[in-house]
Structures are given as C-alpha cells and as structure tokens.
N, C-alpha and C. Protein backbone atom coordinates (compact mmCIF):
# COMPACT_ATOMS: atom_id res chain seq x y z
N MET A 1 0.78 -1.13 -0.02
CA MET A 1 -0.12 -0.04 0.02
C MET A 1 0.84 1.06 0.01
N ASN A 2 0.75 2.22 -0.74
CA ASN A 2 1.19 3.55 -0.93
C ASN A 2 1.03 4.35 0.24
N THR A 3 2.09 5.13 0.67
CA THR A 3 1.77 6.17 1.64
C THR A 3 1.08 7.30 1.03
N ASP A 4 0.66 8.12 1.94
CA ASP A 4 -0.12 9.43 1.47
C ASP A 4 0.90 10.16 0.56
N ASN A 5 2.12 10.19 0.99
CA ASN A 5 2.97 11.16 0.11
C ASN A 5 3.16 10.57 -1.22
N ASP A 6 3.26 9.12 -1.34
CA ASP A 6 3.28 8.52 -2.58
C ASP A 6 2.15 8.84 -3.48
N ILE A 7 1.05 8.85 -2.96
CA ILE A 7 -0.21 9.26 -3.66
C ILE A 7 -0.31 10.70 -4.03
N LEU A 8 0.21 11.44 -3.12
CA LEU A 8 0.25 13.10 -3.52
C LEU A 8 1.06 13.28 -4.70
N ILE A 9 2.33 12.70 -4.71
CA ILE A 9 3.23 12.99 -5.81
C ILE A 9 3.14 12.09 -6.98
N ALA A 10 2.13 11.06 -6.90
CA ALA A 10 1.73 10.18 -7.87
C ALA A 10 2.95 9.36 -8.28
N ASN A 11 3.63 8.77 -7.09
CA ASN A 11 4.82 7.95 -7.16
C ASN A 11 4.88 6.95 -8.10
N GLN A 12 3.73 6.32 -8.17
CA GLN A 12 3.49 5.09 -9.38
C GLN A 12 2.91 5.42 -10.70
N GLY A 13 2.83 6.91 -10.97
CA GLY A 13 2.46 7.16 -12.22
C GLY A 13 0.96 7.64 -12.23
N THR A 14 0.58 8.04 -13.52
CA THR A 14 -0.79 8.49 -13.76
C THR A 14 -1.24 8.03 -15.08
N PHE A 15 -2.46 7.94 -15.33
CA PHE A 15 -2.93 7.58 -16.65
C PHE A 15 -4.15 8.48 -16.88
N VAL A 16 -4.37 8.98 -18.04
CA VAL A 16 -5.48 9.85 -18.49
C VAL A 16 -6.46 9.15 -19.30
N VAL A 17 -7.71 8.95 -18.73
CA VAL A 17 -8.77 8.61 -19.34
C VAL A 17 -9.67 9.51 -19.90
N ASN A 18 -9.76 9.61 -21.24
CA ASN A 18 -10.60 10.54 -22.03
C ASN A 18 -11.37 10.02 -23.01
N ASN A 19 -11.89 8.76 -22.74
CA ASN A 19 -12.75 8.13 -23.97
C ASN A 19 -13.62 7.25 -23.10
N THR A 20 -14.49 6.35 -23.79
CA THR A 20 -15.61 5.65 -23.04
C THR A 20 -15.06 4.17 -22.89
N ALA A 21 -13.77 3.82 -23.03
CA ALA A 21 -13.40 2.32 -22.97
C ALA A 21 -13.12 2.26 -21.27
N GLU A 22 -13.51 1.18 -21.07
CA GLU A 22 -13.21 0.75 -19.35
C GLU A 22 -11.78 0.71 -19.41
N LYS A 23 -11.15 1.26 -18.30
CA LYS A 23 -9.73 1.13 -17.81
C LYS A 23 -9.75 0.40 -16.69
N THR A 24 -8.97 -0.66 -16.70
CA THR A 24 -8.87 -1.59 -15.53
C THR A 24 -7.46 -1.52 -14.99
N VAL A 25 -7.39 -1.09 -13.98
CA VAL A 25 -5.91 -0.88 -13.22
C VAL A 25 -6.17 -0.52 -11.73
N THR A 26 -5.26 -0.93 -10.95
CA THR A 26 -5.14 -0.38 -9.68
C THR A 26 -5.03 1.07 -9.43
N ILE A 27 -6.07 1.67 -8.70
CA ILE A 27 -6.11 3.21 -8.72
C ILE A 27 -6.13 3.70 -7.29
N ASN A 28 -5.25 4.53 -6.86
CA ASN A 28 -5.26 5.13 -5.44
C ASN A 28 -6.23 6.42 -5.59
N ALA A 29 -6.57 7.11 -6.50
CA ALA A 29 -7.31 8.24 -6.60
C ALA A 29 -7.57 8.73 -7.92
N ILE A 30 -8.77 9.27 -8.23
CA ILE A 30 -9.44 9.78 -9.35
C ILE A 30 -9.49 11.37 -9.35
N VAL A 31 -8.74 11.95 -10.21
CA VAL A 31 -8.92 13.53 -10.28
C VAL A 31 -9.68 13.69 -11.69
N VAL A 32 -10.85 14.42 -11.40
CA VAL A 32 -11.71 14.98 -12.58
C VAL A 32 -11.15 16.06 -13.24
N LEU A 33 -10.78 15.91 -14.35
CA LEU A 33 -10.03 16.87 -15.33
C LEU A 33 -10.97 17.86 -15.91
N GLU A 34 -12.18 17.38 -16.22
CA GLU A 34 -13.32 18.06 -16.85
C GLU A 34 -14.60 17.58 -16.21
N ASP A 35 -15.72 18.35 -16.54
CA ASP A 35 -17.06 17.91 -15.93
C ASP A 35 -17.17 16.57 -16.74
N THR A 36 -17.43 15.52 -15.83
CA THR A 36 -17.51 14.09 -16.15
C THR A 36 -18.50 13.45 -15.73
N VAL A 37 -19.21 12.48 -16.64
CA VAL A 37 -20.16 11.53 -16.21
C VAL A 37 -19.77 10.17 -16.12
N PHE A 38 -19.91 9.38 -15.03
CA PHE A 38 -19.17 8.13 -14.99
C PHE A 38 -20.25 7.03 -15.19
N SER A 39 -19.61 6.19 -16.03
CA SER A 39 -20.70 4.77 -16.27
C SER A 39 -20.27 3.86 -15.09
N ALA A 40 -19.08 3.75 -14.47
CA ALA A 40 -18.67 2.93 -13.70
C ALA A 40 -17.37 3.44 -12.68
N ILE A 41 -17.43 3.18 -11.36
CA ILE A 41 -16.22 3.29 -10.54
C ILE A 41 -16.21 1.96 -9.81
N LYS A 42 -14.94 1.11 -9.98
CA LYS A 42 -15.10 -0.10 -9.53
C LYS A 42 -14.09 -0.33 -8.32
N ILE A 43 -14.49 -1.24 -7.42
CA ILE A 43 -13.61 -1.72 -6.43
C ILE A 43 -13.82 -3.30 -6.62
N ALA A 44 -12.78 -3.96 -6.70
CA ALA A 44 -12.78 -5.35 -6.81
C ALA A 44 -13.76 -5.83 -7.93
N GLY A 45 -13.87 -5.19 -8.89
CA GLY A 45 -14.59 -5.41 -10.21
C GLY A 45 -16.11 -5.10 -9.86
N SER A 46 -16.41 -4.66 -8.86
CA SER A 46 -17.93 -4.30 -8.63
C SER A 46 -18.07 -2.67 -8.60
N ASP A 47 -19.14 -2.26 -9.39
CA ASP A 47 -19.41 -0.90 -9.54
C ASP A 47 -19.88 -0.25 -8.11
N VAL A 48 -19.17 0.68 -7.72
CA VAL A 48 -19.47 1.38 -6.49
C VAL A 48 -19.70 2.80 -6.54
N LYS A 49 -19.96 3.27 -7.76
CA LYS A 49 -20.13 4.65 -7.91
C LYS A 49 -21.06 5.30 -7.07
N SER A 50 -22.20 4.74 -6.74
CA SER A 50 -23.03 5.25 -5.88
C SER A 50 -22.71 5.48 -4.46
N THR A 51 -21.65 4.90 -4.08
CA THR A 51 -21.03 5.12 -2.83
C THR A 51 -20.21 6.36 -2.68
N TYR A 52 -19.82 6.81 -3.88
CA TYR A 52 -18.99 7.97 -3.83
C TYR A 52 -19.58 9.26 -4.84
N ILE A 53 -20.76 9.04 -5.22
CA ILE A 53 -21.55 10.19 -6.02
C ILE A 53 -22.89 10.10 -5.68
N ALA A 54 -23.40 11.00 -4.89
CA ALA A 54 -24.83 11.08 -4.56
C ALA A 54 -25.82 11.02 -5.75
N ALA A 55 -25.56 11.43 -6.74
CA ALA A 55 -26.52 11.37 -7.93
C ALA A 55 -25.67 10.76 -9.06
N PRO A 56 -25.38 9.43 -8.97
CA PRO A 56 -24.51 8.86 -10.03
C PRO A 56 -24.58 9.06 -11.44
N SER A 57 -25.88 9.30 -11.82
CA SER A 57 -26.00 9.45 -13.29
C SER A 57 -25.83 11.05 -13.67
N THR A 58 -25.26 11.83 -12.94
CA THR A 58 -25.21 13.20 -13.19
C THR A 58 -23.68 13.63 -13.28
N THR A 59 -23.47 14.73 -13.74
CA THR A 59 -22.03 15.27 -13.79
C THR A 59 -21.25 15.47 -12.62
N VAL A 60 -20.07 15.07 -12.57
CA VAL A 60 -19.26 15.41 -11.43
C VAL A 60 -18.27 16.53 -11.90
N LYS A 61 -18.18 17.64 -11.29
CA LYS A 61 -17.48 18.94 -11.72
C LYS A 61 -15.96 18.74 -11.59
N ALA A 62 -15.38 19.32 -12.64
CA ALA A 62 -13.86 19.29 -12.78
C ALA A 62 -13.22 19.86 -11.38
N GLY A 63 -12.09 19.16 -11.05
CA GLY A 63 -11.30 19.66 -9.87
C GLY A 63 -11.63 18.52 -8.74
N THR A 64 -12.73 17.57 -8.94
CA THR A 64 -13.14 16.86 -7.77
C THR A 64 -12.08 15.57 -7.79
N ILE A 65 -11.75 15.31 -6.48
CA ILE A 65 -10.78 14.25 -6.27
C ILE A 65 -11.66 13.18 -5.59
N ILE A 66 -11.49 11.93 -5.95
CA ILE A 66 -12.20 10.77 -5.39
C ILE A 66 -11.21 9.85 -4.86
N ARG A 67 -11.35 9.46 -3.48
CA ARG A 67 -10.46 8.50 -3.01
C ARG A 67 -11.26 7.49 -2.33
N ALA A 68 -10.89 6.23 -2.43
CA ALA A 68 -11.63 4.96 -1.90
C ALA A 68 -11.56 5.21 -0.26
N ILE A 69 -12.64 4.76 0.32
CA ILE A 69 -12.78 4.57 1.86
C ILE A 69 -12.11 3.14 2.27
N ASN A 70 -11.82 3.34 3.55
CA ASN A 70 -11.46 2.18 4.28
C ASN A 70 -10.11 1.41 3.65
N ALA A 71 -9.15 2.40 3.18
CA ALA A 71 -7.94 1.92 2.70
C ALA A 71 -8.22 1.06 1.62
N GLN A 72 -9.11 0.99 0.74
CA GLN A 72 -9.47 0.27 -0.36
C GLN A 72 -8.66 1.15 -1.59
N GLN A 73 -8.66 0.31 -2.74
CA GLN A 73 -8.30 0.92 -4.09
C GLN A 73 -9.20 0.72 -4.95
N PHE A 74 -9.34 1.49 -6.00
CA PHE A 74 -10.28 1.40 -7.11
C PHE A 74 -9.67 0.44 -8.09
N SER A 75 -10.55 -0.45 -8.91
CA SER A 75 -9.81 -1.60 -9.71
C SER A 75 -10.14 -0.96 -11.14
N GLY A 76 -11.11 -0.07 -11.29
CA GLY A 76 -11.38 0.43 -12.83
C GLY A 76 -12.31 1.54 -12.87
N VAL A 77 -12.32 2.28 -14.10
CA VAL A 77 -13.28 3.31 -14.36
C VAL A 77 -13.70 3.16 -15.66
N LYS A 78 -14.87 3.73 -15.92
CA LYS A 78 -15.44 3.85 -17.24
C LYS A 78 -16.30 5.16 -17.34
N LEU A 79 -16.20 5.79 -18.43
CA LEU A 79 -16.80 7.23 -18.57
C LEU A 79 -17.90 7.26 -19.73
N ILE A 80 -18.84 8.03 -19.42
CA ILE A 80 -19.91 8.32 -20.30
C ILE A 80 -19.29 9.53 -21.11
N SER A 81 -18.75 10.47 -20.46
CA SER A 81 -18.18 11.76 -20.98
C SER A 81 -17.15 12.33 -20.15
N GLY A 82 -16.44 13.19 -20.61
CA GLY A 82 -15.49 13.83 -19.77
C GLY A 82 -14.19 13.26 -19.81
N GLY A 83 -13.21 13.63 -18.78
CA GLY A 83 -11.80 13.09 -18.72
C GLY A 83 -11.49 13.02 -17.30
N VAL A 84 -10.73 11.99 -16.93
CA VAL A 84 -9.96 11.89 -15.37
C VAL A 84 -8.56 11.43 -15.47
N LEU A 85 -7.93 11.82 -14.38
CA LEU A 85 -6.53 11.46 -14.19
C LEU A 85 -6.68 10.40 -13.01
N LEU A 86 -6.03 9.30 -13.44
CA LEU A 86 -5.93 8.12 -12.51
C LEU A 86 -4.49 8.30 -11.83
N ILE A 87 -4.51 8.32 -10.60
CA ILE A 87 -3.27 8.15 -9.76
C ILE A 87 -3.20 6.58 -9.48
N LEU A 88 -2.16 6.09 -10.21
CA LEU A 88 -1.99 4.48 -9.96
C LEU A 88 -1.33 4.15 -8.74
N ALA A 89 -1.66 2.97 -8.46
CA ALA A 89 -1.11 2.25 -7.12
C ALA A 89 0.14 1.40 -7.62
C-alpha cells in the first residue's frame, strides 16, 4: 500500500482516461479533469459509484478528487463523457 505522500506525488504514475473504454488498473485516486459523467467506478470489479457520487448519473465537476474509503483501492473506471486522471497504485 502506498503512503499518502506516494499518492500525492503520484509516485507510481498516472493515466489519463478521456474516452468511453473501461480502464482496468489499480487506482489510488481519481482526479476529475473536466466535467465528467461516470458509467462505473469499480472496487474489486464491482461498480461502487453510488457510494462516492450522490447522484451517480449526473455530472461530477472538474477539480473533484475521489479516494476510496477504508484503505481500499479502485480497480477500474468507465466514463460516459469527460476526462479523468488516475493516480496509479
């Protein structure tokens, strides 16, 4: 598990998702780069976006940072529109 500093400086790298193809990779944090609608945010392969977004079918505003609770990590994302930066684990 990465330390908070590793996550803040993206020590394991980053990946930009700016299309509608699902990206499956271990993710420490999701940074929303532009207004984005998520199709899925996954932990252990299960969609958990309703745990992190109150109205999951609506737009998440640019600048939002999403971190998994309880020291978990995300396992994938899929977008309907927009773009995000994945902070890799």
